[in-house]
C-alpha atoms as a PDB file:
ATOM      1  CA  MET A   1       0.457  -0.202  -0.156  1.00  0.00           C
ATOM      2  CA  ALA A   2       1.315   3.620  -0.538  1.00  0.00           C
ATOM      3  CA  ARG A   3       1.684   6.392   1.920  1.00  0.00           C
ATOM      4  CA  ILE A   4      -0.001   8.849   1.433  1.00  0.00           C
ATOM      5  CA  GLU A   5       0.311  12.706   3.193  1.00  0.00           C
ATOM      6  CA  LEU A   6      -1.773  15.224   3.448  1.00  0.00           C
ATOM      7  CA  PHE A   7      -0.700  18.778   4.435  1.00  0.00           C
ATOM      8  CA  SER A   8      -3.528  20.067   6.051  1.00  0.00           C
ATOM      9  CA  GLY A   9      -4.792  23.673   8.049  1.00  0.00           C
ATOM     10  CA  PRO A  10      -7.438  24.038  10.702  1.00  0.00           C
ATOM     11  CA  ASN A  11     -11.269  24.878   9.829  1.00  0.00           C
ATOM     12  CA  CYS A  12     -10.379  24.117   5.898  1.00  0.00           C
ATOM     13  CA  ALA A  13     -13.287  23.069   4.557  1.00  0.00           C
ATOM     14  CA  PHE A  14     -10.914  21.601   1.292  1.00  0.00           C
ATOM     15  CA  CYS A  15      -8.810  18.977   3.517  1.00  0.00           C
ATOM     16  CA  ALA A  16     -11.752  18.117   5.042  1.00  0.00           C
ATOM     17  CA  GLN A  17     -13.064  16.945   1.570  1.00  0.00           C
ATOM     18  CA  ALA A  18     -10.179  15.943   0.770  1.00  0.00           C
ATOM     19  CA  LYS A  19      -9.981  13.141   3.810  1.00  0.00           C
ATOM     20  CA  ALA A  20     -13.330  12.463   3.339  1.00  0.00           C
ATOM     21  CA  LEU A  21     -12.659  11.484   0.157  1.00  0.00           C
ATOM     22  CA  LEU A  22      -9.906   9.532   1.383  1.00  0.00           C
ATOM     23  CA  ALA A  23     -11.933   7.923   3.958  1.00  0.00           C
ATOM     24  CA  ALA A  24     -14.519   6.930   1.580  1.00  0.00           C
ATOM     25  CA  LYS A  25     -12.231   5.205  -1.265  1.00  0.00           C
ATOM     26  CA  GLY A  26     -10.954   3.512   2.251  1.00  0.00           C
ATOM     27  CA  LEU A  27      -7.835   4.908   1.777  1.00  0.00           C
ATOM     28  CA  ALA A  28      -5.154   5.453   5.655  1.00  0.00           C
ATOM     29  CA  TYR A  29      -3.098   8.597   5.025  1.00  0.00           C
ATOM     30  CA  GLU A  30      -0.799  10.454   7.512  1.00  0.00           C
ATOM     31  CA  GLU A  31      -2.050  14.108   8.241  1.00  0.00           C
ATOM     32  CA  LEU A  32       0.181  16.762   8.493  1.00  0.00           C
ATOM     33  CA  ASP A  33      -1.603  20.467  10.192  1.00  0.00           C
ATOM     34  CA  ILE A  34       0.319  23.122   9.009  1.00  0.00           C
ATOM     35  CA  SER A  35      -0.594  24.868  12.417  1.00  0.00           C
ATOM     36  CA  ASP A  36       2.091  22.349  14.126  1.00  0.00           C
ATOM     37  CA  ASP A  37       5.521  24.309  13.974  1.00  0.00           C
ATOM     38  CA  ALA A  38       7.419  21.090  12.196  1.00  0.00           C
ATOM     39  CA  HIS A  39       4.188  20.420   9.564  1.00  0.00           C
ATOM     40  CA  ARG A  40       5.034  24.048   7.900  1.00  0.00           C
ATOM     41  CA  ALA A  41       8.702  23.939   8.043  1.00  0.00           C
ATOM     42  CA  GLU A  42       8.221  20.648   5.841  1.00  0.00           C
ATOM     43  CA  PHE A  43       5.360  22.019   3.530  1.00  0.00           C
ATOM     44  CA  THR A  44       8.082  24.991   3.062  1.00  0.00           C
ATOM     45  CA  ARG A  45      10.307  23.311   2.355  1.00  0.00           C
ATOM     46  CA  ARG A  46       8.935  20.699   0.078  1.00  0.00           C
ATOM     47  CA  LEU A  47       6.848  23.087  -1.819  1.00  0.00           C
ATOM     48  CA  PRO A  48       8.312  26.531  -1.461  1.00  0.00           C
ATOM     49  CA  ARG A  49       5.125  28.399  -3.543  1.00  0.00           C
ATOM     50  CA  SER A  50       2.296  27.036  -2.499  1.00  0.00           C
ATOM     51  CA  LYS A  51      -0.044  28.135  -0.461  1.00  0.00           C
ATOM     52  CA  ALA A  52      -3.075  26.421  -1.209  1.00  0.00           C
ATOM     53  CA  LEU A  53      -4.599  23.690   1.023  1.00  0.00           C
ATOM     54  CA  PRO A  54      -4.737  20.651   1.277  1.00  0.00           C
ATOM     55  CA  GLN A  55      -2.014  19.449  -0.334  1.00  0.00           C
ATOM     56  CA  ILE A  56      -1.568  15.540  -1.226  1.00  0.00           C
ATOM     57  CA  PHE A  57       1.782  13.216  -1.979  1.00  0.00           C
ATOM     58  CA  ILE A  58       1.056   9.786  -2.243  1.00  0.00           C
ATOM     59  CA  ASP A  59       4.578   7.380  -2.100  1.00  0.00           C
ATOM     60  CA  GLY A  60       6.658  10.781  -1.650  1.00  0.00           C
ATOM     61  CA  GLU A  61       4.959  12.279  -5.300  1.00  0.00           C
ATOM     62  CA  HIS A  62       3.180  15.618  -5.312  1.00  0.00           C
ATOM     63  CA  ILE A  63      -0.007  15.087  -6.356  1.00  0.00           C
ATOM     64  CA  GLY A  64      -1.710  17.916  -6.323  1.00  0.00           C
ATOM     65  CA  SER A  65      -5.222  19.582  -4.399  1.00  0.00           C
ATOM     66  CA  LEU A  66      -8.449  18.593  -3.231  1.00  0.00           C
ATOM     67  CA  GLU A  67      -9.059  19.082  -7.147  1.00  0.00           C
ATOM     68  CA  ASP A  68      -6.225  17.034  -8.707  1.00  0.00           C
ATOM     69  CA  LEU A  69      -7.525  14.571  -5.960  1.00  0.00           C
ATOM     70  CA  ARG A  70     -11.265  14.383  -7.229  1.00  0.00           C
ATOM     71  CA  LEU A  71      -9.448  14.298 -11.513  1.00  0.00           C
ATOM     72  CA  LEU A  72      -7.392  11.110 -10.120  1.00  0.00           C
ATOM     73  CA  ASN A  73      -9.822   9.603  -8.299  1.00  0.00           C
ATOM     74  CA  GLN A  74     -12.450   9.968 -11.480  1.00  0.00           C
ATOM     75  CA  SER A  75     -10.241   8.273 -13.975  1.00  0.00           C
ATOM     76  CA  GLY A  76      -9.633   5.359 -11.694  1.00  0.00           C
ATOM     77  CA  GLU A  77      -6.032   6.566 -11.336  1.00  0.00           C
ATOM     78  CA  LEU A  78      -6.205   7.007  -7.578  1.00  0.00           C
ATOM     79  CA  ALA A  79      -6.996   3.614  -7.194  1.00  0.00           C
ATOM     80  CA  ALA A  80      -3.571   2.367  -8.862  1.00  0.00           C
ATOM     81  CA  LEU A  81      -1.352   4.722  -7.089  1.00  0.00           C
ATOM     82  CA  ALA A  82      -2.555   4.038  -3.530  1.00  0.00           C
ATOM     83  CA  SER A  83      -2.155   0.523  -4.082  1.00  0.00           C
ATOM     84  CA  GLY A  84       1.857   1.393  -4.817  1.00  0.00           C
ATOM     85  CA  ALA A  85       1.134   0.678  -9.410  1.00  0.00           C
ATOM     86  CA  LYS A  86       3.411   2.903 -11.684  1.00  0.00           C
ATOM     87  CA  PRO A  87       1.167   5.134 -13.695  1.00  0.00           C
ATOM     88  CA  ALA A  88       1.328   3.542 -17.611  1.00  0.00           C
END
């Protein structure tokens, strides 16, 4: 199973939607709330130009935001990535 990391923030509606989508698919994820200083530093290190939340990584690869996650889900690629399969 792939490692899913979700950078989120407090009271973030888009973050809640991303978490709900992952949960509905039965996918475990690690939430990294940027209100924690260590998580904020990691977010800034990995995505220095990004301000938008949530930001999702699967096996260390940046997937993008909620909209990107939704598109991956609609195309069926999310299941493949989450299983550890590499896209063609």
